[in-house]
């Protein structure tokens, strides 16, 4: 394929999808990522697209939201690895909320094997993935169906979440930055995602490396509200993605990096059997979690005794009475 043909195809993919990773572009045009990066740089110089961390987006600073058919074919291996790792955070008998998205759909397929689980969702795709799970209860929000991502949105969805409390929320989005947190391109979707966050004690963001550093119109989860980020390994040349991960960790977000095979990499490696560890030593622990030593265990007799200072004051008072 000639350079002009490659670049025309790259431009058509970006216009159709809104955002495409370099890895995906290289696969479609059947060339190396180095060559694709050179093509993307040339198209950017002509003002036809914008480069982003590990990919290309429509020009203008903010990406538009792609539809489900386009999203479902992007970064499929990365989404699978992220879902495998995120599923290891869920315990039997928990209640969680799962937002809309192709990555959360992958997570739902794995949650079908967790007994006693209750999943609250506004996503038809998530509900469908769990429809035949005998030991999982699915609770759907109300609302108006948004066909582009098969999600329920609007005031009905938000009102159905009022008074709800679950252990954690799993959310995805269109972009993630250390400065603004998670964001999306649609106002109605952003509003429902914020309601899902309000219902959860912890917030877990699922985002592949192509979304790192991408900023879209509507903020859904500020960085200081995000408990964990589960992402994939950025390509070695993508220094900006690595910088963004470090910035997120510096702000207290716990980072879990999944490998392409579904297991974690580095300190997050899964044990034999393929299931990610539940006690993952994630970097970037929130400062409040490490402010001091944990509570010390004491026997019942010790708890019944007054502290040493109180014992001394009691002894002096007793001597004075005598």
Foldseek 3Di string as FASTA:
>chain_A
DDLVVLLVVLLVLQVQAQKAFLVVSCVVVVHDSVSSVVSLVVCVVVVQWDDDQRIIGGPDQATAHHFPVSQLPGPVLFLLLLLLQVLLQDAAQFEEEEEFDNSSLSNLLVCLPRANYEYEYQAPSSCVSNVPSPRYHYHYFAADADRRGRGHWDPRRLVSLPPAAGAEYEEEEQAAFLQFGGFHADPRSLVNLLSSLVRHPAYEYEDELRRYPHDHDGGRDGLLRHAEYEYEDRPPVRVVSVVRVVSSLCSQYFYWYGYSVNATPDQQGDDPPSRTHNPRPTGSHHCVVVVDDDDDDDDPVVVVDDPPVVVVVVVVVVVVVD
